[in-house]
N, C-alpha and C. Protein backbone atom coordinates (compact mmCIF):
# COMPACT_ATOMS: atom_id res chain seq x y z
N MET A 1 0.82 -1.16 0.00
CA MET A 1 0.00 0.00 0.00
C MET A 1 0.87 1.23 0.00
N GLY A 2 0.28 2.36 -0.55
CA GLY A 2 1.02 3.62 -0.63
C GLY A 2 1.17 4.25 0.73
N ALA A 3 2.10 5.12 0.80
CA ALA A 3 2.36 5.81 2.06
C ALA A 3 1.30 6.88 2.26
N MET A 4 0.64 6.82 3.38
CA MET A 4 -0.37 7.80 3.70
C MET A 4 0.18 8.77 4.74
N ILE A 5 -0.17 10.04 4.56
CA ILE A 5 0.29 11.04 5.52
C ILE A 5 -0.77 11.16 6.59
N ARG A 6 -0.31 11.00 7.82
CA ARG A 6 -1.23 11.16 8.94
C ARG A 6 -1.11 12.59 9.45
N LEU A 7 -2.19 13.11 9.99
CA LEU A 7 -2.21 14.50 10.44
C LEU A 7 -1.14 14.78 11.50
N ARG A 8 -0.87 13.86 12.36
CA ARG A 8 0.12 14.12 13.41
C ARG A 8 1.54 14.10 12.86
N ASP A 9 1.72 13.57 11.63
CA ASP A 9 3.05 13.54 11.03
C ASP A 9 3.39 14.85 10.31
N ILE A 10 2.40 15.74 10.09
CA ILE A 10 2.63 17.00 9.38
C ILE A 10 3.36 17.95 10.32
N THR A 11 4.39 18.56 9.81
CA THR A 11 5.20 19.47 10.62
C THR A 11 4.53 20.84 10.68
N THR A 12 5.09 21.69 11.51
CA THR A 12 4.60 23.06 11.64
C THR A 12 4.72 23.79 10.32
N THR A 13 5.79 23.58 9.60
CA THR A 13 5.98 24.21 8.29
C THR A 13 4.93 23.71 7.32
N GLY A 14 4.59 22.46 7.38
CA GLY A 14 3.55 21.89 6.53
C GLY A 14 2.20 22.52 6.82
N TRP A 15 1.87 22.65 8.12
CA TRP A 15 0.61 23.30 8.50
C TRP A 15 0.57 24.75 8.04
N LEU A 16 1.70 25.43 8.19
CA LEU A 16 1.78 26.83 7.76
C LEU A 16 1.55 26.93 6.25
N ALA A 17 2.15 26.03 5.49
CA ALA A 17 1.96 26.02 4.04
C ALA A 17 0.49 25.73 3.70
N PHE A 18 -0.13 24.79 4.43
CA PHE A 18 -1.52 24.45 4.20
C PHE A 18 -2.43 25.66 4.49
N VAL A 19 -2.20 26.37 5.59
CA VAL A 19 -3.00 27.54 5.96
C VAL A 19 -2.81 28.64 4.92
N CYS A 20 -1.56 28.87 4.48
CA CYS A 20 -1.29 29.89 3.46
C CYS A 20 -2.01 29.54 2.16
N LEU A 21 -1.97 28.27 1.78
CA LEU A 21 -2.66 27.83 0.56
C LEU A 21 -4.17 28.02 0.70
N ALA A 22 -4.73 27.71 1.85
CA ALA A 22 -6.16 27.88 2.08
C ALA A 22 -6.54 29.35 2.04
N LEU A 23 -5.72 30.21 2.67
CA LEU A 23 -6.00 31.65 2.65
C LEU A 23 -5.91 32.20 1.22
N ALA A 24 -4.92 31.73 0.45
CA ALA A 24 -4.79 32.18 -0.95
C ALA A 24 -6.01 31.75 -1.75
N LEU A 25 -6.49 30.53 -1.52
CA LEU A 25 -7.67 30.05 -2.22
C LEU A 25 -8.91 30.87 -1.84
N ILE A 26 -9.06 31.19 -0.57
CA ILE A 26 -10.19 32.03 -0.11
C ILE A 26 -10.10 33.42 -0.73
N LEU A 27 -8.89 34.01 -0.72
CA LEU A 27 -8.69 35.33 -1.29
C LEU A 27 -9.00 35.33 -2.79
N LEU A 28 -8.55 34.31 -3.49
CA LEU A 28 -8.81 34.19 -4.93
C LEU A 28 -10.32 34.08 -5.19
N THR A 29 -11.01 33.31 -4.39
CA THR A 29 -12.46 33.15 -4.54
C THR A 29 -13.17 34.48 -4.31
N MET A 30 -12.70 35.23 -3.29
CA MET A 30 -13.31 36.54 -3.00
C MET A 30 -13.06 37.52 -4.16
N CYS A 31 -11.87 37.48 -4.75
CA CYS A 31 -11.55 38.37 -5.88
C CYS A 31 -12.42 38.05 -7.08
N VAL A 32 -12.62 36.77 -7.36
CA VAL A 32 -13.46 36.37 -8.49
C VAL A 32 -14.89 36.83 -8.25
N ALA A 33 -15.40 36.66 -7.04
CA ALA A 33 -16.77 37.08 -6.73
C ALA A 33 -16.89 38.60 -6.85
N ASP A 34 -15.88 39.34 -6.40
CA ASP A 34 -15.89 40.79 -6.49
C ASP A 34 -15.86 41.25 -7.95
N ASP A 35 -15.04 40.60 -8.76
CA ASP A 35 -14.98 40.94 -10.19
C ASP A 35 -16.31 40.66 -10.88
N ARG A 36 -16.96 39.57 -10.52
CA ARG A 36 -18.26 39.26 -11.11
C ARG A 36 -19.28 40.33 -10.72
N GLN A 37 -19.24 40.76 -9.46
CA GLN A 37 -20.17 41.80 -9.00
C GLN A 37 -19.91 43.11 -9.74
N LYS A 38 -18.64 43.46 -9.90
CA LYS A 38 -18.30 44.69 -10.62
C LYS A 38 -18.74 44.61 -12.07
N ALA A 39 -18.58 43.46 -12.70
CA ALA A 39 -19.01 43.29 -14.09
C ALA A 39 -20.53 43.42 -14.19
N ALA A 40 -21.24 42.85 -13.23
CA ALA A 40 -22.71 42.95 -13.23
C ALA A 40 -23.12 44.41 -13.02
N ASP A 41 -22.44 45.13 -12.12
CA ASP A 41 -22.74 46.55 -11.90
C ASP A 41 -22.49 47.37 -13.17
N ARG A 42 -21.37 47.09 -13.85
CA ARG A 42 -21.07 47.81 -15.09
C ARG A 42 -22.14 47.52 -16.15
N ALA A 43 -22.59 46.29 -16.23
CA ALA A 43 -23.63 45.93 -17.20
C ALA A 43 -24.93 46.67 -16.89
N ARG A 44 -25.30 46.75 -15.59
CA ARG A 44 -26.51 47.48 -15.21
C ARG A 44 -26.37 48.96 -15.51
N GLN A 45 -25.19 49.52 -15.24
CA GLN A 45 -24.96 50.94 -15.53
C GLN A 45 -25.02 51.21 -17.03
N ALA A 46 -24.47 50.31 -17.81
CA ALA A 46 -24.51 50.46 -19.27
C ALA A 46 -25.95 50.42 -19.76
N GLU A 47 -26.73 49.50 -19.22
CA GLU A 47 -28.14 49.38 -19.61
C GLU A 47 -28.91 50.63 -19.19
N ALA A 48 -28.63 51.13 -17.99
CA ALA A 48 -29.30 52.35 -17.53
C ALA A 48 -28.90 53.53 -18.41
N GLY A 49 -27.63 53.60 -18.79
CA GLY A 49 -27.18 54.67 -19.68
C GLY A 49 -27.84 54.59 -21.03
N LYS A 50 -28.01 53.39 -21.53
CA LYS A 50 -28.68 53.18 -22.82
C LYS A 50 -30.14 53.62 -22.73
N SER A 51 -30.80 53.23 -21.64
CA SER A 51 -32.20 53.61 -21.46
C SER A 51 -32.34 55.12 -21.34
N LEU A 52 -31.41 55.74 -20.62
CA LEU A 52 -31.43 57.19 -20.47
C LEU A 52 -31.24 57.88 -21.82
N ALA A 53 -30.30 57.38 -22.60
CA ALA A 53 -30.05 57.96 -23.93
C ALA A 53 -31.28 57.79 -24.83
N GLU A 54 -31.90 56.62 -24.78
CA GLU A 54 -33.10 56.39 -25.59
C GLU A 54 -34.23 57.32 -25.14
N GLY A 55 -34.35 57.51 -23.82
CA GLY A 55 -35.38 58.42 -23.30
C GLY A 55 -35.13 59.85 -23.76
N ARG A 56 -33.88 60.28 -23.71
CA ARG A 56 -33.55 61.64 -24.15
C ARG A 56 -33.84 61.81 -25.64
N THR A 57 -33.52 60.79 -26.41
CA THR A 57 -33.79 60.85 -27.85
C THR A 57 -35.29 60.95 -28.10
N ALA A 58 -36.07 60.17 -27.38
CA ALA A 58 -37.53 60.21 -27.55
C ALA A 58 -38.08 61.58 -27.15
N VAL A 59 -37.56 62.14 -26.07
CA VAL A 59 -38.02 63.46 -25.62
C VAL A 59 -37.67 64.51 -26.67
N ALA A 60 -36.45 64.44 -27.20
CA ALA A 60 -36.04 65.41 -28.23
C ALA A 60 -36.92 65.26 -29.47
N ARG A 61 -37.23 64.03 -29.85
CA ARG A 61 -38.09 63.79 -31.02
C ARG A 61 -39.49 64.34 -30.76
N ASP A 62 -40.03 64.10 -29.55
CA ASP A 62 -41.35 64.63 -29.21
C ASP A 62 -41.36 66.15 -29.21
N ALA A 63 -40.31 66.75 -28.63
CA ALA A 63 -40.23 68.21 -28.59
C ALA A 63 -40.15 68.78 -29.99
N SER A 64 -39.41 68.12 -30.85
CA SER A 64 -39.29 68.58 -32.24
C SER A 64 -40.64 68.51 -32.95
N ALA A 65 -41.36 67.41 -32.72
CA ALA A 65 -42.69 67.26 -33.34
C ALA A 65 -43.65 68.32 -32.82
N ILE A 66 -43.60 68.60 -31.53
CA ILE A 66 -44.47 69.63 -30.95
C ILE A 66 -44.12 70.99 -31.54
N ARG A 67 -42.83 71.28 -31.63
CA ARG A 67 -42.39 72.56 -32.20
C ARG A 67 -42.82 72.66 -33.67
N ASP A 68 -42.68 71.57 -34.42
CA ASP A 68 -43.09 71.58 -35.83
C ASP A 68 -44.59 71.84 -35.97
N ARG A 69 -45.39 71.20 -35.11
CA ARG A 69 -46.85 71.43 -35.17
C ARG A 69 -47.19 72.88 -34.80
N ALA A 70 -46.49 73.41 -33.80
CA ALA A 70 -46.73 74.79 -33.39
C ALA A 70 -46.33 75.76 -34.51
N ASP A 71 -45.21 75.48 -35.17
CA ASP A 71 -44.78 76.33 -36.29
C ASP A 71 -45.80 76.28 -37.42
N ALA A 72 -46.29 75.08 -37.73
CA ALA A 72 -47.30 74.93 -38.79
C ALA A 72 -48.58 75.67 -38.42
N ARG A 73 -48.98 75.56 -37.16
CA ARG A 73 -50.18 76.27 -36.70
C ARG A 73 -49.98 77.78 -36.79
N ASP A 74 -48.80 78.25 -36.41
CA ASP A 74 -48.51 79.69 -36.48
C ASP A 74 -48.53 80.18 -37.93
N ARG A 75 -47.95 79.37 -38.83
CA ARG A 75 -47.97 79.75 -40.26
C ARG A 75 -49.40 79.81 -40.79
N SER A 76 -50.20 78.81 -40.40
CA SER A 76 -51.60 78.77 -40.84
C SER A 76 -52.36 79.97 -40.30
N THR A 77 -52.15 80.28 -39.03
CA THR A 77 -52.83 81.43 -38.42
C THR A 77 -52.42 82.72 -39.12
N ALA A 78 -51.12 82.88 -39.37
CA ALA A 78 -50.65 84.09 -40.06
C ALA A 78 -51.26 84.20 -41.44
N SER A 79 -51.38 83.08 -42.15
CA SER A 79 -51.98 83.09 -43.48
C SER A 79 -53.45 83.49 -43.42
N ILE A 80 -54.18 82.93 -42.46
CA ILE A 80 -55.61 83.26 -42.32
C ILE A 80 -55.79 84.73 -41.98
N VAL A 81 -54.93 85.26 -41.09
CA VAL A 81 -55.02 86.67 -40.70
C VAL A 81 -54.71 87.56 -41.90
N THR A 82 -53.70 87.18 -42.67
CA THR A 82 -53.36 87.96 -43.87
C THR A 82 -54.52 87.97 -44.85
N GLN A 83 -55.15 86.80 -45.06
CA GLN A 83 -56.30 86.72 -45.96
C GLN A 83 -57.45 87.58 -45.44
N ALA A 84 -57.66 87.53 -44.12
CA ALA A 84 -58.75 88.33 -43.52
C ALA A 84 -58.49 89.81 -43.74
N GLU A 85 -57.25 90.24 -43.53
CA GLU A 85 -56.93 91.66 -43.72
C GLU A 85 -57.20 92.10 -45.16
N LYS A 86 -56.80 91.26 -46.12
CA LYS A 86 -57.04 91.58 -47.54
C LYS A 86 -58.54 91.67 -47.83
N GLU A 87 -59.29 90.68 -47.34
CA GLU A 87 -60.73 90.65 -47.60
C GLU A 87 -61.42 91.86 -46.96
N ILE A 88 -61.01 92.21 -45.77
CA ILE A 88 -61.64 93.34 -45.07
C ILE A 88 -61.31 94.64 -45.81
N ARG A 89 -60.05 94.81 -46.23
CA ARG A 89 -59.66 96.01 -46.95
C ARG A 89 -60.39 96.16 -48.28
N HIS A 90 -60.64 95.05 -48.94
CA HIS A 90 -61.26 95.09 -50.26
C HIS A 90 -62.78 94.88 -50.23
N ALA A 91 -63.35 94.82 -49.05
CA ALA A 91 -64.81 94.61 -48.94
C ALA A 91 -65.53 95.85 -49.47
N PRO A 92 -66.66 95.62 -50.15
CA PRO A 92 -67.38 96.76 -50.73
C PRO A 92 -68.10 97.62 -49.69
N ASP A 93 -68.41 97.01 -48.51
CA ASP A 93 -69.08 97.79 -47.46
C ASP A 93 -68.77 97.19 -46.10
N ARG A 94 -69.31 97.84 -45.06
CA ARG A 94 -69.04 97.39 -43.69
C ARG A 94 -69.59 95.99 -43.42
N ASN A 95 -70.74 95.69 -43.94
CA ASN A 95 -71.33 94.36 -43.71
C ASN A 95 -70.46 93.26 -44.32
N ALA A 96 -69.97 93.51 -45.52
CA ALA A 96 -69.11 92.52 -46.17
C ALA A 96 -67.79 92.37 -45.39
N ALA A 97 -67.28 93.49 -44.87
CA ALA A 97 -66.05 93.44 -44.07
C ALA A 97 -66.28 92.65 -42.78
N ALA A 98 -67.42 92.88 -42.15
CA ALA A 98 -67.75 92.16 -40.91
C ALA A 98 -67.90 90.66 -41.18
N ASP A 99 -68.55 90.33 -42.30
CA ASP A 99 -68.70 88.92 -42.67
C ASP A 99 -67.34 88.26 -42.93
N ALA A 100 -66.48 88.99 -43.61
CA ALA A 100 -65.13 88.45 -43.88
C ALA A 100 -64.39 88.21 -42.57
N ALA A 101 -64.50 89.16 -41.65
CA ALA A 101 -63.83 88.99 -40.35
C ALA A 101 -64.41 87.79 -39.60
N ARG A 102 -65.75 87.66 -39.56
CA ARG A 102 -66.37 86.52 -38.87
C ARG A 102 -65.99 85.19 -39.50
N ARG A 103 -65.95 85.17 -40.83
CA ARG A 103 -65.58 83.95 -41.56
C ARG A 103 -64.18 83.50 -41.15
N ARG A 104 -63.25 84.43 -41.08
CA ARG A 104 -61.87 84.08 -40.73
C ARG A 104 -61.73 83.73 -39.25
N VAL A 105 -62.50 84.38 -38.38
CA VAL A 105 -62.48 84.02 -36.95
C VAL A 105 -62.99 82.59 -36.79
N CYS A 106 -64.05 82.27 -37.54
CA CYS A 106 -64.58 80.89 -37.49
C CYS A 106 -63.55 79.90 -38.02
N GLN A 107 -62.78 80.32 -39.03
CA GLN A 107 -61.76 79.44 -39.60
C GLN A 107 -60.63 79.21 -38.58
N LEU A 108 -60.32 80.23 -37.79
CA LEU A 108 -59.24 80.12 -36.80
C LEU A 108 -59.62 79.27 -35.60
N SER A 109 -60.89 79.23 -35.27
CA SER A 109 -61.28 78.55 -34.04
C SER A 109 -62.38 77.55 -34.30
N ASP A 110 -62.75 76.86 -33.25
CA ASP A 110 -63.80 75.85 -33.36
C ASP A 110 -65.04 76.34 -32.62
N TYR A 111 -65.50 77.53 -33.01
CA TYR A 111 -66.70 78.07 -32.37
C TYR A 111 -67.90 77.21 -32.69
N ARG A 112 -68.78 77.09 -31.73
CA ARG A 112 -70.03 76.35 -31.93
C ARG A 112 -71.15 77.30 -32.36
N ASP A 113 -70.76 78.49 -32.68
CA ASP A 113 -71.70 79.53 -33.09
C ASP A 113 -72.42 79.11 -34.38
N PRO A 114 -73.72 79.29 -34.46
CA PRO A 114 -74.45 78.92 -35.68
C PRO A 114 -73.93 79.67 -36.90
N GLN A 115 -73.48 80.89 -36.72
CA GLN A 115 -72.95 81.66 -37.84
C GLN A 115 -71.72 80.97 -38.44
N CYS A 116 -70.87 80.36 -37.56
CA CYS A 116 -69.70 79.63 -38.05
C CYS A 116 -70.13 78.42 -38.87
N ALA A 117 -71.20 77.79 -38.47
CA ALA A 117 -71.70 76.64 -39.23
C ALA A 117 -72.13 77.09 -40.63
N VAL A 118 -72.71 78.28 -40.73
CA VAL A 118 -73.13 78.81 -42.03
C VAL A 118 -71.89 79.05 -42.89
N PHE A 119 -70.85 79.65 -42.31
CA PHE A 119 -69.63 79.93 -43.08
C PHE A 119 -68.92 78.64 -43.48
N ARG A 120 -68.96 77.65 -42.65
CA ARG A 120 -68.32 76.38 -43.00
C ARG A 120 -69.07 75.68 -44.13
N ALA A 121 -70.40 75.78 -44.08
CA ALA A 121 -71.21 75.11 -45.10
C ALA A 121 -71.09 75.84 -46.44
N ASP A 122 -71.03 77.16 -46.41
CA ASP A 122 -70.96 77.93 -47.65
C ASP A 122 -70.03 79.14 -47.42
N PRO A 123 -68.72 78.94 -47.60
CA PRO A 123 -67.76 80.00 -47.30
C PRO A 123 -67.99 81.29 -48.08
N GLY A 124 -68.66 81.23 -49.21
CA GLY A 124 -68.88 82.43 -50.01
C GLY A 124 -70.15 83.16 -49.64
N ARG A 125 -70.98 82.58 -48.79
CA ARG A 125 -72.28 83.16 -48.46
C ARG A 125 -72.11 84.34 -47.53
N VAL A 126 -72.82 85.37 -47.75
CA VAL A 126 -72.81 86.56 -46.89
C VAL A 126 -74.25 86.81 -46.48
N ASP A 127 -74.49 86.81 -45.16
CA ASP A 127 -75.86 87.06 -44.65
C ASP A 127 -76.04 88.51 -44.31
């Protein structure tokens, strides 16, 4: 049979080497666990950064769309006002000028006024 080492035969130097080896193994295990934790933290931070960037991009896109709609609305309003000014200036009388103004006010807004319904149904009609 092979030679077996009994615990009482191990010298102090042998025990010291065994303890040092065990401590090195424990330290190595702790370093690996710490590195895994750091890698997981970095992955979570990267994902959070990506989500934040995507959110900022979406907000910028939404703000741009809102600004574009507001610009289009402003251009439309300016055009309607310009048309109203021309119609009022060239109206043959005060009643025609008032009708032109009412027609354009109805065009600018969503009044529930019956007069606006008349202008929407027949934009050329003057009452």
